[in-house]
Amino acid sequence: MAKLLDELSIHISDHLIIYINRLLDLFDSDCLQMRNSLLNVCVNIIRYCSSLSEYKELRGELFFLIIDQYFLDCNVHVRSHAIGLCINLVESKLIPIKFYCHLTQATIERTNDTSCIVRKHAIQLATKLLKFNPYTDRVRGLG
C-alpha cells in the first residue's frame, strides 16, 4: 500500500490532492513504511503545487505537517527521512521564504536529537539552508 501511494503521488499528484484529508488520517499509522511513504506523498504534492497559486494554502499545511509532526516523530528513521526530504526541497528551492525561519528553528532543535543519524541530517539541512538562503543576494548587494 505504501509503495503504491508513493508511485501514485509521483504520477498523479493532482488526483491525490482530492483525497489529501483521507491520506492525512494515515499519518498516525504505526507502520514505519506507511509514514515514510506519506512523507514522500506530501513532498510530491508540494512539488506539484509549487507552481499553482490555488494550492498555496495546502502547500503551507503540508510544510507545517512535515516540520511540526515528522521532525519530532517517535521513530528515528521517520525523523531522518523527513529531514532528508527537506534537504531535497531546499536544494530544489521549493521552500517559500516565510517557512525558512520555522524550518531553521526546527532543524537547529534536531541537532540535539538523541540519534546520531538525525543529528547528521540536521547538520546537512542547516548547511543547505545557509547555502540556498534566499536572502544571500540581498546581503551581497549591501556589501
Protein backbone atom coordinates (compact mmCIF):
# COMPACT_ATOMS: atom_id res chain seq x y z
CA MET A 1 0.00 0.00 0.00
CA ALA A 2 2.80 2.40 0.93
CA LYS A 3 4.71 1.85 -2.30
CA LEU A 4 1.51 2.24 -4.32
CA LEU A 5 0.75 5.61 -2.70
CA ASP A 6 4.31 6.70 -3.35
CA GLU A 7 4.09 5.81 -7.05
CA LEU A 8 0.66 7.41 -7.42
CA SER A 9 1.94 10.65 -5.90
CA ILE A 10 4.72 10.80 -8.48
CA HIS A 11 2.43 10.28 -11.47
CA ILE A 12 -0.95 11.69 -10.47
CA SER A 13 -0.39 14.19 -7.67
CA ASP A 14 -3.28 16.28 -8.93
CA HIS A 15 -5.72 13.43 -8.24
CA LEU A 16 -4.31 12.72 -4.78
CA ILE A 17 -4.94 16.30 -3.70
CA ILE A 18 -8.67 15.49 -3.73
CA TYR A 19 -8.06 12.74 -1.15
CA ILE A 20 -5.47 14.55 0.96
CA ASN A 21 -7.70 14.65 4.06
CA ARG A 22 -8.12 10.88 3.98
CA LEU A 23 -4.40 10.42 3.45
CA LEU A 24 -3.64 12.67 6.42
CA ASP A 25 -5.63 10.26 8.61
CA LEU A 26 -2.99 7.63 7.84
CA PHE A 27 -0.21 9.76 9.34
CA ASP A 28 -0.86 8.22 12.75
CA SER A 29 -0.16 4.75 11.38
CA ASP A 30 2.13 2.51 13.41
CA CYS A 31 3.71 1.27 10.19
CA LEU A 32 7.09 2.90 9.55
CA GLN A 33 6.89 2.35 5.78
CA MET A 34 3.46 3.98 5.64
CA ARG A 35 4.63 7.09 7.50
CA ASN A 36 7.71 7.39 5.26
CA SER A 37 5.58 6.86 2.17
CA LEU A 38 3.15 9.57 3.28
CA LEU A 39 6.10 11.91 3.73
CA ASN A 40 7.04 11.17 0.11
CA VAL A 41 3.44 11.83 -0.94
CA CYS A 42 3.49 15.20 0.85
CA VAL A 43 6.74 16.19 -0.86
CA ASN A 44 5.47 15.13 -4.28
CA ILE A 45 2.28 17.13 -3.76
CA ILE A 46 4.38 20.12 -2.63
CA ARG A 47 6.44 19.80 -5.81
CA TYR A 48 3.27 19.62 -7.89
CA CYS A 49 1.68 22.59 -6.11
CA SER A 50 4.78 24.79 -6.24
CA SER A 51 3.68 26.50 -9.45
CA LEU A 52 -0.06 26.56 -8.72
CA SER A 53 -1.23 29.53 -6.67
CA GLU A 54 -4.61 27.96 -5.84
CA TYR A 55 -2.84 25.32 -3.71
CA LYS A 56 -0.66 27.74 -1.78
CA GLU A 57 -2.51 27.10 1.49
CA LEU A 58 -2.32 23.31 1.07
CA ARG A 59 1.40 23.56 0.42
CA GLY A 60 1.84 25.53 3.64
CA GLU A 61 -0.17 23.00 5.64
CA LEU A 62 1.97 20.17 4.29
CA PHE A 63 5.19 22.03 5.17
CA PHE A 64 3.96 22.56 8.71
CA LEU A 65 2.92 18.91 8.96
CA ILE A 66 6.37 17.71 7.90
CA ILE A 67 8.22 20.11 10.17
CA ASP A 68 5.97 20.06 13.23
CA GLN A 69 4.97 16.40 13.26
CA TYR A 70 7.63 14.39 11.48
CA PHE A 71 10.72 16.20 12.70
CA LEU A 72 9.51 15.08 16.16
CA ASP A 73 8.32 11.57 15.25
CA CYS A 74 9.00 8.81 17.78
CA ASN A 75 10.90 6.80 15.16
CA VAL A 76 14.47 7.72 14.21
CA HIS A 77 14.03 6.61 10.59
CA VAL A 78 10.96 8.78 10.08
CA ARG A 79 12.70 11.83 11.59
CA SER A 80 15.79 11.36 9.44
CA HIS A 81 13.65 10.72 6.33
CA ALA A 82 11.67 13.93 6.94
CA ILE A 83 14.87 15.93 7.29
CA GLY A 84 16.31 14.29 4.16
CA LEU A 85 13.22 15.25 2.17
CA CYS A 86 13.52 18.83 3.40
CA ILE A 87 17.12 18.85 2.19
CA ASN A 88 15.83 17.96 -1.30
CA LEU A 89 13.16 20.68 -1.11
CA VAL A 90 15.75 23.28 -0.09
CA GLU A 91 18.09 22.23 -2.92
CA SER A 92 15.18 22.47 -5.36
CA LYS A 93 14.35 25.93 -3.98
CA LEU A 94 10.80 24.85 -3.17
CA ILE A 95 10.73 26.24 0.38
CA PRO A 96 8.81 29.53 0.47
CA ILE A 97 10.65 32.33 2.24
CA LYS A 98 8.07 32.54 5.02
CA PHE A 99 8.92 28.96 6.10
CA TYR A 100 12.69 29.45 6.31
CA CYS A 101 12.70 30.66 9.93
CA HIS A 102 10.40 27.88 11.11
CA LEU A 103 12.40 25.24 9.24
CA THR A 104 15.69 26.63 10.52
CA GLN A 105 14.47 26.61 14.12
CA ALA A 106 13.21 23.03 13.84
CA THR A 107 16.49 21.99 12.21
CA ILE A 108 18.57 23.52 15.00
CA GLU A 109 16.43 21.67 17.55
CA ARG A 110 17.12 18.38 15.73
CA THR A 111 20.89 18.91 16.09
CA ASN A 112 20.30 17.98 19.75
CA ASP A 113 18.49 14.74 18.85
CA THR A 114 19.34 11.51 20.64
CA SER A 115 20.10 9.77 17.32
CA CYS A 116 23.37 10.46 15.53
CA ILE A 117 21.78 9.90 12.07
CA VAL A 118 19.14 12.55 12.80
CA ARG A 119 21.82 14.97 14.05
CA LYS A 120 23.87 14.28 10.90
CA HIS A 121 20.90 15.00 8.61
CA ALA A 122 20.02 18.09 10.66
CA ILE A 123 23.54 19.47 10.19
CA GLN A 124 23.32 18.72 6.45
CA LEU A 125 19.98 20.54 6.29
CA ALA A 126 21.36 23.51 8.23
CA THR A 127 24.24 23.67 5.73
CA LYS A 128 21.81 23.59 2.79
CA LEU A 129 19.66 26.29 4.40
CA LEU A 130 22.73 28.52 4.60
CA LYS A 131 23.87 27.66 1.09
CA PHE A 132 20.46 28.22 -0.53
CA ASN A 133 19.46 31.12 1.70
CA PRO A 134 17.00 33.31 -0.25
CA TYR A 135 18.46 36.42 1.38
CA THR A 136 22.01 35.79 0.13
CA ASP A 137 21.69 38.09 -2.90
CA ARG A 138 20.25 40.88 -0.77
CA VAL A 139 23.11 40.63 1.73
CA ARG A 140 25.74 40.61 -1.02
CA GLY A 141 24.17 43.72 -2.55
CA LEU A 142 24.69 45.64 0.70
CA GLY A 143 28.41 44.90 0.95
